Amino acid sequence: MRKWVCEVCSYVYDPEKGDPDNGIAPGTPFEALPATWRCPDCGATKDVFSPQE
């Protein structure tokens, strides 16, 4: 699964790790994150994330 990077703060969402502190289980692809999910570091919305090359 592809990792995604926040363009605001450079946080990397790794689907293999998920975001357990915010209720996102390991193995959750970025596309399956709820629309209300925010970057855990800066609070940015999903639309400012881009796929990591």
PDB file of N, CA and C in Angstrom:
ATOM      1  N   MET A   1       0.835  -1.186   0.000  1.00  0.00           N
ATOM      2  CA  MET A   1       0.000   0.000   0.000  1.00  0.00           C
ATOM      3  C   MET A   1       0.879   1.249   0.000  1.00  0.00           C
ATOM      4  N   ARG A   2       0.408   2.251  -0.672  1.00  0.00           N
ATOM      5  CA  ARG A   2       1.145   3.500  -0.841  1.00  0.00           C
ATOM      6  C   ARG A   2       1.037   4.382   0.405  1.00  0.00           C
ATOM      7  N   LYS A   3       2.134   5.048   0.748  1.00  0.00           N
ATOM      8  CA  LYS A   3       2.149   6.019   1.837  1.00  0.00           C
ATOM      9  C   LYS A   3       1.739   7.379   1.282  1.00  0.00           C
ATOM     10  N   TRP A   4       1.186   8.222   2.143  1.00  0.00           N
ATOM     11  CA  TRP A   4       0.738   9.555   1.757  1.00  0.00           C
ATOM     12  C   TRP A   4       1.389  10.588   2.669  1.00  0.00           C
ATOM     13  N   VAL A   5       1.766  11.742   2.102  1.00  0.00           N
ATOM     14  CA  VAL A   5       2.493  12.780   2.839  1.00  0.00           C
ATOM     15  C   VAL A   5       1.644  14.049   2.941  1.00  0.00           C
ATOM     16  N   CYS A   6       1.598  14.605   4.150  1.00  0.00           N
ATOM     17  CA  CYS A   6       0.911  15.886   4.363  1.00  0.00           C
ATOM     18  C   CYS A   6       1.802  16.985   3.799  1.00  0.00           C
ATOM     19  N   GLU A   7       1.247  17.791   2.908  1.00  0.00           N
ATOM     20  CA  GLU A   7       2.022  18.862   2.290  1.00  0.00           C
ATOM     21  C   GLU A   7       2.224  20.046   3.225  1.00  0.00           C
ATOM     22  N   VAL A   8       1.519  20.071   4.345  1.00  0.00           N
ATOM     23  CA  VAL A   8       1.654  21.162   5.302  1.00  0.00           C
ATOM     24  C   VAL A   8       2.809  20.900   6.271  1.00  0.00           C
ATOM     25  N   CYS A   9       2.851  19.670   6.840  1.00  0.00           N
ATOM     26  CA  CYS A   9       3.837  19.412   7.895  1.00  0.00           C
ATOM     27  C   CYS A   9       4.745  18.216   7.626  1.00  0.00           C
ATOM     28  N   SER A  10       4.551  17.531   6.506  1.00  0.00           N
ATOM     29  CA  SER A  10       5.366  16.386   6.097  1.00  0.00           C
ATOM     30  C   SER A  10       5.091  15.097   6.881  1.00  0.00           C
ATOM     31  N   TYR A  11       3.978  15.056   7.641  1.00  0.00           N
ATOM     32  CA  TYR A  11       3.579  13.811   8.302  1.00  0.00           C
ATOM     33  C   TYR A  11       3.328  12.758   7.223  1.00  0.00           C
ATOM     34  N   VAL A  12       3.765  11.531   7.474  1.00  0.00           N
ATOM     35  CA  VAL A  12       3.562  10.445   6.520  1.00  0.00           C
ATOM     36  C   VAL A  12       2.521   9.483   7.079  1.00  0.00           C
ATOM     37  N   TYR A  13       1.402   9.320   6.342  1.00  0.00           N
ATOM     38  CA  TYR A  13       0.417   8.307   6.712  1.00  0.00           C
ATOM     39  C   TYR A  13       0.860   6.994   6.087  1.00  0.00           C
ATOM     40  N   ASP A  14       1.127   6.011   6.944  1.00  0.00           N
ATOM     41  CA  ASP A  14       1.547   4.684   6.506  1.00  0.00           C
ATOM     42  C   ASP A  14       0.380   3.731   6.737  1.00  0.00           C
ATOM     43  N   PRO A  15      -0.250   3.237   5.664  1.00  0.00           N
ATOM     44  CA  PRO A  15      -1.411   2.353   5.824  1.00  0.00           C
ATOM     45  C   PRO A  15      -1.103   1.098   6.639  1.00  0.00           C
ATOM     46  N   GLU A  16       0.123   0.630   6.600  1.00  0.00           N
ATOM     47  CA  GLU A  16       0.463  -0.565   7.371  1.00  0.00           C
ATOM     48  C   GLU A  16       0.390  -0.309   8.871  1.00  0.00           C
ATOM     49  N   LYS A  17       0.623   0.938   9.282  1.00  0.00           N
ATOM     50  CA  LYS A  17       0.564   1.303  10.701  1.00  0.00           C
ATOM     51  C   LYS A  17      -0.796   1.873  11.085  1.00  0.00           C
ATOM     52  N   GLY A  18      -1.499   2.491  10.121  1.00  0.00           N
ATOM     53  CA  GLY A  18      -2.762   3.146  10.424  1.00  0.00           C
ATOM     54  C   GLY A  18      -2.530   4.372  11.291  1.00  0.00           C
ATOM     55  N   ASP A  19      -3.533   4.736  12.053  1.00  0.00           N
ATOM     56  CA  ASP A  19      -3.452   5.858  12.990  1.00  0.00           C
ATOM     57  C   ASP A  19      -4.233   5.450  14.239  1.00  0.00           C
ATOM     58  N   PRO A  20      -3.683   4.480  14.992  1.00  0.00           N
ATOM     59  CA  PRO A  20      -4.418   3.920  16.122  1.00  0.00           C
ATOM     60  C   PRO A  20      -4.844   4.945  17.179  1.00  0.00           C
ATOM     61  N   ASP A  21      -4.059   6.015  17.339  1.00  0.00           N
ATOM     62  CA  ASP A  21      -4.423   7.044  18.322  1.00  0.00           C
ATOM     63  C   ASP A  21      -5.727   7.740  17.952  1.00  0.00           C
ATOM     64  N   ASN A  22      -6.090   7.671  16.673  1.00  0.00           N
ATOM     65  CA  ASN A  22      -7.322   8.308  16.195  1.00  0.00           C
ATOM     66  C   ASN A  22      -8.332   7.291  15.655  1.00  0.00           C
ATOM     67  N   GLY A  23      -8.202   6.040  16.083  1.00  0.00           N
ATOM     68  CA  GLY A  23      -9.189   5.019  15.740  1.00  0.00           C
ATOM     69  C   GLY A  23      -9.056   4.397  14.367  1.00  0.00           C
ATOM     70  N   ILE A  24      -7.908   4.590  13.707  1.00  0.00           N
ATOM     71  CA  ILE A  24      -7.696   4.015  12.377  1.00  0.00           C
ATOM     72  C   ILE A  24      -6.814   2.774  12.523  1.00  0.00           C
ATOM     73  N   ALA A  25      -7.372   1.627  12.184  1.00  0.00           N
ATOM     74  CA  ALA A  25      -6.671   0.351  12.370  1.00  0.00           C
ATOM     75  C   ALA A  25      -5.537   0.176  11.369  1.00  0.00           C
ATOM     76  N   PRO A  26      -4.491  -0.544  11.772  1.00  0.00           N
ATOM     77  CA  PRO A  26      -3.434  -0.896  10.820  1.00  0.00           C
ATOM     78  C   PRO A  26      -4.039  -1.633   9.623  1.00  0.00           C
ATOM     79  N   GLY A  27      -3.505  -1.361   8.440  1.00  0.00           N
ATOM     80  CA  GLY A  27      -4.011  -1.985   7.223  1.00  0.00           C
ATOM     81  C   GLY A  27      -5.078  -1.165   6.515  1.00  0.00           C
ATOM     82  N   THR A  28      -5.395   0.025   7.041  1.00  0.00           N
ATOM     83  CA  THR A  28      -6.417   0.884   6.426  1.00  0.00           C
ATOM     84  C   THR A  28      -5.788   1.743   5.339  1.00  0.00           C
ATOM     85  N   PRO A  29      -6.187   1.540   4.064  1.00  0.00           N
ATOM     86  CA  PRO A  29      -5.638   2.377   2.995  1.00  0.00           C
ATOM     87  C   PRO A  29      -6.094   3.830   3.151  1.00  0.00           C
ATOM     88  N   PHE A  30      -5.286   4.746   2.652  1.00  0.00           N
ATOM     89  CA  PHE A  30      -5.604   6.171   2.746  1.00  0.00           C
ATOM     90  C   PHE A  30      -6.982   6.467   2.172  1.00  0.00           C
ATOM     91  N   GLU A  31      -7.300   5.836   1.052  1.00  0.00           N
ATOM     92  CA  GLU A  31      -8.583   6.085   0.392  1.00  0.00           C
ATOM     93  C   GLU A  31      -9.776   5.690   1.259  1.00  0.00           C
ATOM     94  N   ALA A  32      -9.556   4.794   2.218  1.00  0.00           N
ATOM     95  CA  ALA A  32     -10.641   4.334   3.081  1.00  0.00           C
ATOM     96  C   ALA A  32     -10.777   5.159   4.366  1.00  0.00           C
ATOM     97  N   LEU A  33      -9.879   6.134   4.568  1.00  0.00           N
ATOM     98  CA  LEU A  33      -9.999   6.986   5.754  1.00  0.00           C
ATOM     99  C   LEU A  33     -11.283   7.799   5.655  1.00  0.00           C
ATOM    100  N   PRO A  34     -11.967   8.020   6.780  1.00  0.00           N
ATOM    101  CA  PRO A  34     -13.187   8.829   6.721  1.00  0.00           C
ATOM    102  C   PRO A  34     -12.885  10.267   6.300  1.00  0.00           C
ATOM    103  N   ALA A  35     -13.853  10.914   5.700  1.00  0.00           N
ATOM    104  CA  ALA A  35     -13.681  12.299   5.234  1.00  0.00           C
ATOM    105  C   ALA A  35     -13.351  13.239   6.385  1.00  0.00           C
ATOM    106  N   THR A  36     -13.712  12.856   7.597  1.00  0.00           N
ATOM    107  CA  THR A  36     -13.470  13.702   8.769  1.00  0.00           C
ATOM    108  C   THR A  36     -12.077  13.519   9.362  1.00  0.00           C
ATOM    109  N   TRP A  37     -11.308  12.545   8.831  1.00  0.00           N
ATOM    110  CA  TRP A  37      -9.958  12.311   9.360  1.00  0.00           C
ATOM    111  C   TRP A  37      -9.072  13.514   9.086  1.00  0.00           C
ATOM    112  N   ARG A  38      -8.226  13.847  10.047  1.00  0.00           N
ATOM    113  CA  ARG A  38      -7.298  14.974   9.925  1.00  0.00           C
ATOM    114  C   ARG A  38      -5.877  14.495  10.226  1.00  0.00           C
ATOM    115  N   CYS A  39      -4.907  15.201   9.698  1.00  0.00           N
ATOM    116  CA  CYS A  39      -3.506  14.911   9.994  1.00  0.00           C
ATOM    117  C   CYS A  39      -3.307  14.978  11.507  1.00  0.00           C
ATOM    118  N   PRO A  40      -2.760  13.928  12.101  1.00  0.00           N
ATOM    119  CA  PRO A  40      -2.595  13.937  13.556  1.00  0.00           C
ATOM    120  C   PRO A  40      -1.561  14.945  14.061  1.00  0.00           C
ATOM    121  N   ASP A  41      -0.691  15.427  13.187  1.00  0.00           N
ATOM    122  CA  ASP A  41       0.326  16.392  13.617  1.00  0.00           C
ATOM    123  C   ASP A  41      -0.129  17.844  13.497  1.00  0.00           C
ATOM    124  N   CYS A  42      -0.799  18.187  12.376  1.00  0.00           N
ATOM    125  CA  CYS A  42      -1.141  19.602  12.164  1.00  0.00           C
ATOM    126  C   CYS A  42      -2.628  19.867  11.966  1.00  0.00           C
ATOM    127  N   GLY A  43      -3.438  18.805  11.825  1.00  0.00           N
ATOM    128  CA  GLY A  43      -4.876  18.991  11.673  1.00  0.00           C
ATOM    129  C   GLY A  43      -5.336  19.255  10.254  1.00  0.00           C
ATOM    130  N   ALA A  44      -4.441  19.131   9.276  1.00  0.00           N
ATOM    131  CA  ALA A  44      -4.810  19.372   7.876  1.00  0.00           C
ATOM    132  C   ALA A  44      -5.803  18.301   7.388  1.00  0.00           C
ATOM    133  N   THR A  45      -6.600  18.665   6.401  1.00  0.00           N
ATOM    134  CA  THR A  45      -7.577  17.742   5.825  1.00  0.00           C
ATOM    135  C   THR A  45      -6.916  16.804   4.815  1.00  0.00           C
ATOM    136  N   LYS A  46      -7.642  15.751   4.453  1.00  0.00           N
ATOM    137  CA  LYS A  46      -7.097  14.741   3.535  1.00  0.00           C
ATOM    138  C   LYS A  46      -6.681  15.318   2.188  1.00  0.00           C
ATOM    139  N   ASP A  47      -7.320  16.402   1.748  1.00  0.00           N
ATOM    140  CA  ASP A  47      -7.047  16.930   0.409  1.00  0.00           C
ATOM    141  C   ASP A  47      -5.668  17.580   0.266  1.00  0.00           C
ATOM    142  N   VAL A  48      -4.953  17.777   1.382  1.00  0.00           N
ATOM    143  CA  VAL A  48      -3.602  18.330   1.283  1.00  0.00           C
ATOM    144  C   VAL A  48      -2.524  17.231   1.350  1.00  0.00           C
ATOM    145  N   PHE A  49      -2.959  15.978   1.300  1.00  0.00           N
ATOM    146  CA  PHE A  49      -2.024  14.865   1.266  1.00  0.00           C
ATOM    147  C   PHE A  49      -1.764  14.471  -0.185  1.00  0.00           C
ATOM    148  N   SER A  50      -0.550  14.024  -0.448  1.00  0.00           N
ATOM    149  CA  SER A  50      -0.226  13.541  -1.780  1.00  0.00           C
ATOM    150  C   SER A  50       0.507  12.206  -1.642  1.00  0.00           C
ATOM    151  N   PRO A  51       0.385  11.366  -2.669  1.00  0.00           N
ATOM    152  CA  PRO A  51       1.059  10.066  -2.607  1.00  0.00           C
ATOM    153  C   PRO A  51       2.565  10.229  -2.534  1.00  0.00           C
ATOM    154  N   GLN A  52       3.190   9.421  -1.719  1.00  0.00           N
ATOM    155  CA  GLN A  52       4.654   9.470  -1.589  1.00  0.00           C
ATOM    156  C   GLN A  52       5.262   8.739  -2.776  1.00  0.00           C
ATOM    157  N   GLU A  53       6.223   9.358  -3.395  1.00  0.00           N
ATOM    158  CA  GLU A  53       6.893   8.776  -4.555  1.00  0.00           C
ATOM    159  C   GLU A  53       7.819   7.666  -4.144  1.00  0.00           C
TER     160      GLU A  53
END
